[in-house]
């Protein structure tokens, strides 16, 4: 009976460790990049947003060069 209890305790400890380790790996994979677009006013606007790797292109221009008084685009990372 003692051998069964020790084997069960060893199995439980190993299972809990592996589960915790797998959850840590999943959290690392879920880093998400967010792009938020805010529009002012009622004016209709056509907007083309392209994501190419790490670069974001808006209406054919890099995000850093995009200027519009009625549209704000924010880039950020989410945990």
PDB file of N, CA and C in Angstrom:
ATOM      1  N   UNK A   1       0.827  -1.195   0.000  1.00  0.00           N
ATOM      2  CA  UNK A   1       0.000   0.000   0.000  1.00  0.00           C
ATOM      3  C   UNK A   1       0.867   1.253   0.000  1.00  0.00           C
ATOM      4  N   UNK A   2       1.980   1.186   0.729  1.00  0.00           N
ATOM      5  CA  UNK A   2       2.884   2.322   0.822  1.00  0.00           C
ATOM      6  C   UNK A   2       3.492   2.617  -0.549  1.00  0.00           C
ATOM      7  N   UNK A   3       3.806   1.572  -1.319  1.00  0.00           N
ATOM      8  CA  UNK A   3       4.382   1.745  -2.644  1.00  0.00           C
ATOM      9  C   UNK A   3       3.385   2.423  -3.581  1.00  0.00           C
ATOM     10  N   UNK A   4       2.132   2.068  -3.450  1.00  0.00           N
ATOM     11  CA  UNK A   4       1.093   2.668  -4.297  1.00  0.00           C
ATOM     12  C   UNK A   4       0.948   4.150  -3.969  1.00  0.00           C
ATOM     13  N   UNK A   5       0.980   4.503  -2.692  1.00  0.00           N
ATOM     14  CA  UNK A   5       0.857   5.908  -2.276  1.00  0.00           C
ATOM     15  C   UNK A   5       2.041   6.716  -2.778  1.00  0.00           C
ATOM     16  N   UNK A   6       3.243   6.165  -2.704  1.00  0.00           N
ATOM     17  CA  UNK A   6       4.438   6.875  -3.184  1.00  0.00           C
ATOM     18  C   UNK A   6       4.370   7.040  -4.701  1.00  0.00           C
ATOM     19  N   UNK A   7       3.966   5.987  -5.406  1.00  0.00           N
ATOM     20  CA  UNK A   7       3.855   6.062  -6.860  1.00  0.00           C
ATOM     21  C   UNK A   7       2.813   7.102  -7.267  1.00  0.00           C
ATOM     22  N   UNK A   8       1.682   7.142  -6.576  1.00  0.00           N
ATOM     23  CA  UNK A   8       0.638   8.118  -6.869  1.00  0.00           C
ATOM     24  C   UNK A   8       1.140   9.544  -6.612  1.00  0.00           C
ATOM     25  N   UNK A   9       1.842   9.743  -5.509  1.00  0.00           N
ATOM     26  CA  UNK A   9       2.374  11.070  -5.184  1.00  0.00           C
ATOM     27  C   UNK A   9       3.382  11.521  -6.243  1.00  0.00           C
ATOM     28  N   UNK A  10       4.241  10.613  -6.676  1.00  0.00           N
ATOM     29  CA  UNK A  10       5.225  10.945  -7.709  1.00  0.00           C
ATOM     30  C   UNK A  10       4.533  11.282  -9.029  1.00  0.00           C
ATOM     31  N   UNK A  11       3.545  10.500  -9.408  1.00  0.00           N
ATOM     32  CA  UNK A  11       2.792  10.745 -10.638  1.00  0.00           C
ATOM     33  C   UNK A  11       2.074  12.094 -10.580  1.00  0.00           C
ATOM     34  N   UNK A  12       1.437  12.390  -9.450  1.00  0.00           N
ATOM     35  CA  UNK A  12       0.693  13.652  -9.291  1.00  0.00           C
ATOM     36  C   UNK A  12       1.623  14.853  -9.396  1.00  0.00           C
ATOM     37  N   UNK A  13       2.779  14.769  -8.755  1.00  0.00           N
ATOM     38  CA  UNK A  13       3.741  15.872  -8.794  1.00  0.00           C
ATOM     39  C   UNK A  13       4.224  16.105 -10.218  1.00  0.00           C
ATOM     40  N   UNK A  14       4.538  15.033 -10.917  1.00  0.00           N
ATOM     41  CA  UNK A  14       4.994  15.145 -12.301  1.00  0.00           C
ATOM     42  C   UNK A  14       3.905  15.723 -13.194  1.00  0.00           C
ATOM     43  N   UNK A  15       2.686  15.281 -13.024  1.00  0.00           N
ATOM     44  CA  UNK A  15       1.576  15.779 -13.842  1.00  0.00           C
ATOM     45  C   UNK A  15       1.338  17.272 -13.593  1.00  0.00           C
ATOM     46  N   UNK A  16       1.380  17.699 -12.341  1.00  0.00           N
ATOM     47  CA  UNK A  16       1.169  19.118 -12.022  1.00  0.00           C
ATOM     48  C   UNK A  16       2.285  19.978 -12.599  1.00  0.00           C
ATOM     49  N   UNK A  17       3.520  19.504 -12.529  1.00  0.00           N
ATOM     50  CA  UNK A  17       4.650  20.261 -13.063  1.00  0.00           C
ATOM     51  C   UNK A  17       4.503  20.421 -14.583  1.00  0.00           C
ATOM     52  N   UNK A  18       4.176  19.341 -15.273  1.00  0.00           N
ATOM     53  CA  UNK A  18       4.033  19.401 -16.731  1.00  0.00           C
ATOM     54  C   UNK A  18       2.885  20.310 -17.148  1.00  0.00           C
ATOM     55  N   UNK A  19       1.797  20.296 -16.402  1.00  0.00           N
ATOM     56  CA  UNK A  19       0.661  21.163 -16.709  1.00  0.00           C
ATOM     57  C   UNK A  19       1.037  22.629 -16.533  1.00  0.00           C
ATOM     58  N   UNK A  20       1.725  22.954 -15.454  1.00  0.00           N
ATOM     59  CA  UNK A  20       2.144  24.336 -15.199  1.00  0.00           C
ATOM     60  C   UNK A  20       3.126  24.796 -16.264  1.00  0.00           C
ATOM     61  N   UNK A  21       4.032  23.941 -16.674  1.00  0.00           N
ATOM     62  CA  UNK A  21       5.010  24.286 -17.695  1.00  0.00           C
ATOM     63  C   UNK A  21       4.322  24.520 -19.039  1.00  0.00           C
ATOM     64  N   UNK A  22       3.358  23.718 -19.393  1.00  0.00           N
ATOM     65  CA  UNK A  22       2.622  23.887 -20.648  1.00  0.00           C
ATOM     66  C   UNK A  22       1.840  25.198 -20.658  1.00  0.00           C
ATOM     67  N   UNK A  23       1.275  25.590 -19.519  1.00  0.00           N
ATOM     68  CA  UNK A  23       0.528  26.849 -19.446  1.00  0.00           C
ATOM     69  C   UNK A  23       1.460  28.037 -19.629  1.00  0.00           C
ATOM     70  N   UNK A  24       2.683  27.978 -19.091  1.00  0.00           N
ATOM     71  CA  UNK A  24       3.636  29.060 -19.279  1.00  0.00           C
ATOM     72  C   UNK A  24       3.990  29.219 -20.752  1.00  0.00           C
ATOM     73  N   UNK A  25       4.151  28.109 -21.460  1.00  0.00           N
ATOM     74  CA  UNK A  25       4.465  28.172 -22.879  1.00  0.00           C
ATOM     75  C   UNK A  25       3.316  28.781 -23.667  1.00  0.00           C
ATOM     76  N   UNK A  26       2.076  28.475 -23.317  1.00  0.00           N
ATOM     77  CA  UNK A  26       0.919  29.043 -24.010  1.00  0.00           C
ATOM     78  C   UNK A  26       0.849  30.548 -23.799  1.00  0.00           C
ATOM     79  N   UNK A  27       1.175  31.014 -22.616  1.00  0.00           N
ATOM     80  CA  UNK A  27       1.141  32.460 -22.340  1.00  0.00           C
ATOM     81  C   UNK A  27       2.162  33.191 -23.195  1.00  0.00           C
ATOM     82  N   UNK A  28       3.320  32.599 -23.403  1.00  0.00           N
ATOM     83  CA  UNK A  28       4.351  33.240 -24.211  1.00  0.00           C
ATOM     84  C   UNK A  28       3.915  33.361 -25.660  1.00  0.00           C
ATOM     85  N   UNK A  29       3.165  32.392 -26.160  1.00  0.00           N
ATOM     86  CA  UNK A  29       2.728  32.397 -27.547  1.00  0.00           C
ATOM     87  C   UNK A  29       1.620  33.411 -27.802  1.00  0.00           C
ATOM     88  N   UNK A  30       0.929  33.863 -26.779  1.00  0.00           N
ATOM     89  CA  UNK A  30      -0.249  34.713 -26.965  1.00  0.00           C
ATOM     90  C   UNK A  30       0.071  36.204 -26.979  1.00  0.00           C
ATOM     91  N   UNK A  31       1.320  36.584 -27.207  1.00  0.00           N
ATOM     92  CA  UNK A  31       1.627  37.997 -27.305  1.00  0.00           C
ATOM     93  C   UNK A  31       1.004  38.510 -28.598  1.00  0.00           C
ATOM     94  N   UNK A  32       0.162  39.497 -28.470  1.00  0.00           N
ATOM     95  CA  UNK A  32      -0.637  39.977 -29.599  1.00  0.00           C
ATOM     96  C   UNK A  32      -0.298  41.438 -29.874  1.00  0.00           C
ATOM     97  N   UNK A  33      -0.176  41.759 -31.138  1.00  0.00           N
ATOM     98  CA  UNK A  33       0.028  43.148 -31.537  1.00  0.00           C
ATOM     99  C   UNK A  33      -1.339  43.732 -31.888  1.00  0.00           C
ATOM    100  N   UNK A  34      -1.641  44.891 -31.326  1.00  0.00           N
ATOM    101  CA  UNK A  34      -2.936  45.527 -31.562  1.00  0.00           C
ATOM    102  C   UNK A  34      -2.766  46.772 -32.418  1.00  0.00           C
ATOM    103  N   UNK A  35      -3.704  46.967 -33.331  1.00  0.00           N
ATOM    104  CA  UNK A  35      -3.766  48.179 -34.128  1.00  0.00           C
ATOM    105  C   UNK A  35      -5.154  48.766 -33.906  1.00  0.00           C
ATOM    106  N   UNK A  36      -5.207  49.973 -33.357  1.00  0.00           N
ATOM    107  CA  UNK A  36      -6.475  50.620 -33.035  1.00  0.00           C
ATOM    108  C   UNK A  36      -6.663  51.827 -33.947  1.00  0.00           C
ATOM    109  N   UNK A  37      -7.836  51.919 -34.555  1.00  0.00           N
ATOM    110  CA  UNK A  37      -8.151  53.030 -35.456  1.00  0.00           C
ATOM    111  C   UNK A  37      -9.313  53.810 -34.865  1.00  0.00           C
ATOM    112  N   UNK A  38      -9.111  55.116 -34.657  1.00  0.00           N
ATOM    113  CA  UNK A  38     -10.149  56.009 -34.146  1.00  0.00           C
ATOM    114  C   UNK A  38     -10.499  57.024 -35.239  1.00  0.00           C
ATOM    115  N   UNK A  39     -11.798  57.253 -35.428  1.00  0.00           N
ATOM    116  CA  UNK A  39     -12.271  58.193 -36.438  1.00  0.00           C
ATOM    117  C   UNK A  39     -13.023  59.329 -35.766  1.00  0.00           C
ATOM    118  N   UNK A  40     -12.718  60.552 -36.182  1.00  0.00           N
ATOM    119  CA  UNK A  40     -13.442  61.727 -35.689  1.00  0.00           C
ATOM    120  C   UNK A  40     -14.449  62.154 -36.753  1.00  0.00           C
ATOM    121  N   UNK A  41     -15.582  62.629 -36.319  1.00  0.00           N
ATOM    122  CA  UNK A  41     -16.565  63.183 -37.243  1.00  0.00           C
ATOM    123  C   UNK A  41     -17.356  62.131 -37.987  1.00  0.00           C
ATOM    124  N   UNK A  42     -18.209  62.641 -38.904  1.00  0.00           N
ATOM    125  CA  UNK A  42     -19.113  61.782 -39.660  1.00  0.00           C
ATOM    126  C   UNK A  42     -18.645  61.544 -41.093  1.00  0.00           C
ATOM    127  N   UNK A  43     -17.531  62.118 -41.469  1.00  0.00           N
ATOM    128  CA  UNK A  43     -17.049  62.011 -42.839  1.00  0.00           C
ATOM    129  C   UNK A  43     -16.632  60.572 -43.149  1.00  0.00           C
ATOM    130  N   UNK A  44     -17.077  60.049 -44.312  1.00  0.00           N
ATOM    131  CA  UNK A  44     -16.680  58.712 -44.748  1.00  0.00           C
ATOM    132  C   UNK A  44     -15.255  58.759 -45.288  1.00  0.00           C
ATOM    133  N   UNK A  45     -14.490  57.721 -44.977  1.00  0.00           N
ATOM    134  CA  UNK A  45     -13.105  57.656 -45.411  1.00  0.00           C
ATOM    135  C   UNK A  45     -12.771  56.242 -45.847  1.00  0.00           C
ATOM    136  N   UNK A  46     -12.071  56.121 -46.987  1.00  0.00           N
ATOM    137  CA  UNK A  46     -11.557  54.821 -47.409  1.00  0.00           C
ATOM    138  C   UNK A  46     -10.155  54.679 -46.840  1.00  0.00           C
ATOM    139  N   UNK A  47      -9.901  53.533 -46.235  1.00  0.00           N
ATOM    140  CA  UNK A  47      -8.626  53.310 -45.571  1.00  0.00           C
ATOM    141  C   UNK A  47      -8.156  51.903 -45.884  1.00  0.00           C
ATOM    142  N   UNK A  48      -6.928  51.780 -46.384  1.00  0.00           N
ATOM    143  CA  UNK A  48      -6.346  50.479 -46.684  1.00  0.00           C
ATOM    144  C   UNK A  48      -5.187  50.259 -45.715  1.00  0.00           C
ATOM    145  N   UNK A  49      -5.302  49.220 -44.885  1.00  0.00           N
ATOM    146  CA  UNK A  49      -4.264  48.900 -43.911  1.00  0.00           C
ATOM    147  C   UNK A  49      -3.658  47.563 -44.305  1.00  0.00           C
ATOM    148  N   UNK A  50      -2.332  47.554 -44.499  1.00  0.00           N
ATOM    149  CA  UNK A  50      -1.615  46.332 -44.846  1.00  0.00           C
ATOM    150  C   UNK A  50      -0.598  46.028 -43.752  1.00  0.00           C
ATOM    151  N   UNK A  51      -0.523  44.761 -43.366  1.00  0.00           N
ATOM    152  CA  UNK A  51       0.455  44.330 -42.375  1.00  0.00           C
ATOM    153  C   UNK A  51       1.415  43.394 -43.079  1.00  0.00           C
ATOM    154  N   UNK A  52       2.670  43.811 -43.151  1.00  0.00           N
ATOM    155  CA  UNK A  52       3.709  43.030 -43.820  1.00  0.00           C
ATOM    156  C   UNK A  52       4.827  42.763 -42.819  1.00  0.00           C
ATOM    157  N   UNK A  53       4.745  41.614 -42.151  1.00  0.00           N
ATOM    158  CA  UNK A  53       5.745  41.310 -41.119  1.00  0.00           C
ATOM    159  C   UNK A  53       5.577  42.263 -39.956  1.00  0.00           C
ATOM    160  N   UNK A  54       6.611  43.026 -39.651  1.00  0.00           N
ATOM    161  CA  UNK A  54       6.565  44.008 -38.563  1.00  0.00           C
ATOM    162  C   UNK A  54       6.134  45.386 -39.046  1.00  0.00           C
ATOM    163  N   UNK A  55       5.992  45.563 -40.351  1.00  0.00           N
ATOM    164  CA  UNK A  55       5.674  46.873 -40.913  1.00  0.00           C
ATOM    165  C   UNK A  55       4.171  46.996 -41.157  1.00  0.00           C
ATOM    166  N   UNK A  56       3.659  48.186 -40.883  1.00  0.00           N
ATOM    167  CA  UNK A  56       2.247  48.497 -41.134  1.00  0.00           C
ATOM    168  C   UNK A  56       2.203  49.611 -42.171  1.00  0.00           C
ATOM    169  N   UNK A  57       1.453  49.376 -43.236  1.00  0.00           N
ATOM    170  CA  UNK A  57       1.335  50.353 -44.321  1.00  0.00           C
ATOM    171  C   UNK A  57      -0.121  50.793 -44.386  1.00  0.00           C
ATOM    172  N   UNK A  58      -0.337  52.120 -44.380  1.00  0.00           N
ATOM    173  CA  UNK A  58      -1.684  52.688 -44.437  1.00  0.00           C
ATOM    174  C   UNK A  58      -1.779  53.543 -45.696  1.00  0.00           C
ATOM    175  N   UNK A  59      -2.706  53.176 -46.573  1.00  0.00           N
ATOM    176  CA  UNK A  59      -2.897  53.876 -47.851  1.00  0.00           C
ATOM    177  C   UNK A  59      -1.585  54.012 -48.626  1.00  0.00           C
ATOM    178  N   UNK A  60      -0.751  52.977 -48.600  1.00  0.00           N
ATOM    179  CA  UNK A  60       0.494  52.967 -49.365  1.00  0.00           C
ATOM    180  C   UNK A  60       1.664  53.653 -48.692  1.00  0.00           C
ATOM    181  N   UNK A  61       1.477  54.180 -47.487  1.00  0.00           N
ATOM    182  CA  UNK A  61       2.557  54.868 -46.771  1.00  0.00           C
ATOM    183  C   UNK A  61       2.843  54.133 -45.460  1.00  0.00           C
ATOM    184  N   UNK A  62       4.078  54.179 -44.996  1.00  0.00           N
ATOM    185  CA  UNK A  62       4.358  53.602 -43.671  1.00  0.00           C
ATOM    186  C   UNK A  62       3.537  54.325 -42.604  1.00  0.00           C
ATOM    187  N   UNK A  63       3.233  53.620 -41.526  1.00  0.00           N
ATOM    188  CA  UNK A  63       2.398  54.193 -40.458  1.00  0.00           C
ATOM    189  C   UNK A  63       2.989  55.495 -39.928  1.00  0.00           C
ATOM    190  N   UNK A  64       4.295  55.594 -39.836  1.00  0.00           N
ATOM    191  CA  UNK A  64       4.925  56.807 -39.301  1.00  0.00           C
ATOM    192  C   UNK A  64       4.697  58.023 -40.197  1.00  0.00           C
ATOM    193  N   UNK A  65       4.442  57.808 -41.488  1.00  0.00           N
ATOM    194  CA  UNK A  65       4.229  58.913 -42.425  1.00  0.00           C
ATOM    195  C   UNK A  65       2.744  59.222 -42.647  1.00  0.00           C
ATOM    196  N   UNK A  66       1.845  58.384 -42.143  1.00  0.00           N
ATOM    197  CA  UNK A  66       0.410  58.593 -42.346  1.00  0.00           C
ATOM    198  C   UNK A  66      -0.079  59.747 -41.482  1.00  0.00           C
ATOM    199  N   UNK A  67      -0.684  60.744 -42.125  1.00  0.00           N
ATOM    200  CA  UNK A  67      -1.218  61.910 -41.421  1.00  0.00           C
ATOM    201  C   UNK A  67      -2.638  62.175 -41.898  1.00  0.00           C
ATOM    202  N   UNK A  68      -3.566  62.237 -40.956  1.00  0.00           N
ATOM    203  CA  UNK A  68      -4.954  62.588 -41.265  1.00  0.00           C
ATOM    204  C   UNK A  68      -5.549  63.168 -39.996  1.00  0.00           C
ATOM    205  N   UNK A  69      -6.157  64.329 -40.108  1.00  0.00           N
ATOM    206  CA  UNK A  69      -6.728  65.000 -38.940  1.00  0.00           C
ATOM    207  C   UNK A  69      -7.877  64.227 -38.327  1.00  0.00           C
ATOM    208  N   UNK A  70      -8.612  63.475 -39.139  1.00  0.00           N
ATOM    209  CA  UNK A  70      -9.815  62.796 -38.667  1.00  0.00           C
ATOM    210  C   UNK A  70      -9.599  61.340 -38.270  1.00  0.00           C
ATOM    211  N   UNK A  71      -8.407  60.817 -38.494  1.00  0.00           N
ATOM    212  CA  UNK A  71      -8.138  59.418 -38.175  1.00  0.00           C
ATOM    213  C   UNK A  71      -6.862  59.305 -37.350  1.00  0.00           C
ATOM    214  N   UNK A  72      -6.945  58.555 -36.256  1.00  0.00           N
ATOM    215  CA  UNK A  72      -5.775  58.255 -35.434  1.00  0.00           C
ATOM    216  C   UNK A  72      -5.571  56.750 -35.437  1.00  0.00           C
ATOM    217  N   UNK A  73      -4.332  56.327 -35.673  1.00  0.00           N
ATOM    218  CA  UNK A  73      -4.005  54.908 -35.659  1.00  0.00           C
ATOM    219  C   UNK A  73      -2.924  54.689 -34.613  1.00  0.00           C
ATOM    220  N   UNK A  74      -3.214  53.779 -33.674  1.00  0.00           N
ATOM    221  CA  UNK A  74      -2.265  53.470 -32.616  1.00  0.00           C
ATOM    222  C   UNK A  74      -1.835  52.017 -32.743  1.00  0.00           C
ATOM    223  N   UNK A  75      -0.570  51.792 -32.487  1.00  0.00           N
ATOM    224  CA  UNK A  75       0.001  50.448 -32.558  1.00  0.00           C
ATOM    225  C   UNK A  75       0.541  50.107 -31.169  1.00  0.00           C
ATOM    226  N   UNK A  76       0.258  48.898 -30.699  1.00  0.00           N
ATOM    227  CA  UNK A  76       0.728  48.491 -29.388  1.00  0.00           C
ATOM    228  C   UNK A  76       0.725  46.986 -29.258  1.00  0.00           C
ATOM    229  N   UNK A  77       1.255  46.491 -28.137  1.00  0.00           N
ATOM    230  CA  UNK A  77       1.283  45.061 -27.866  1.00  0.00           C
ATOM    231  C   UNK A  77       0.427  44.759 -26.644  1.00  0.00           C
ATOM    232  N   UNK A  78      -0.215  43.611 -26.696  1.00  0.00           N
ATOM    233  CA  UNK A  78      -1.070  43.163 -25.609  1.00  0.00           C
ATOM    234  C   UNK A  78      -0.463  41.891 -25.020  1.00  0.00           C
ATOM    235  N   UNK A  79      -0.565  41.747 -23.704  1.00  0.00           N
ATOM    236  CA  UNK A  79       0.010  40.545 -23.088  1.00  0.00           C
ATOM    237  C   UNK A  79      -0.747  39.284 -23.427  1.00  0.00           C
TER     238      UNK A  79
END
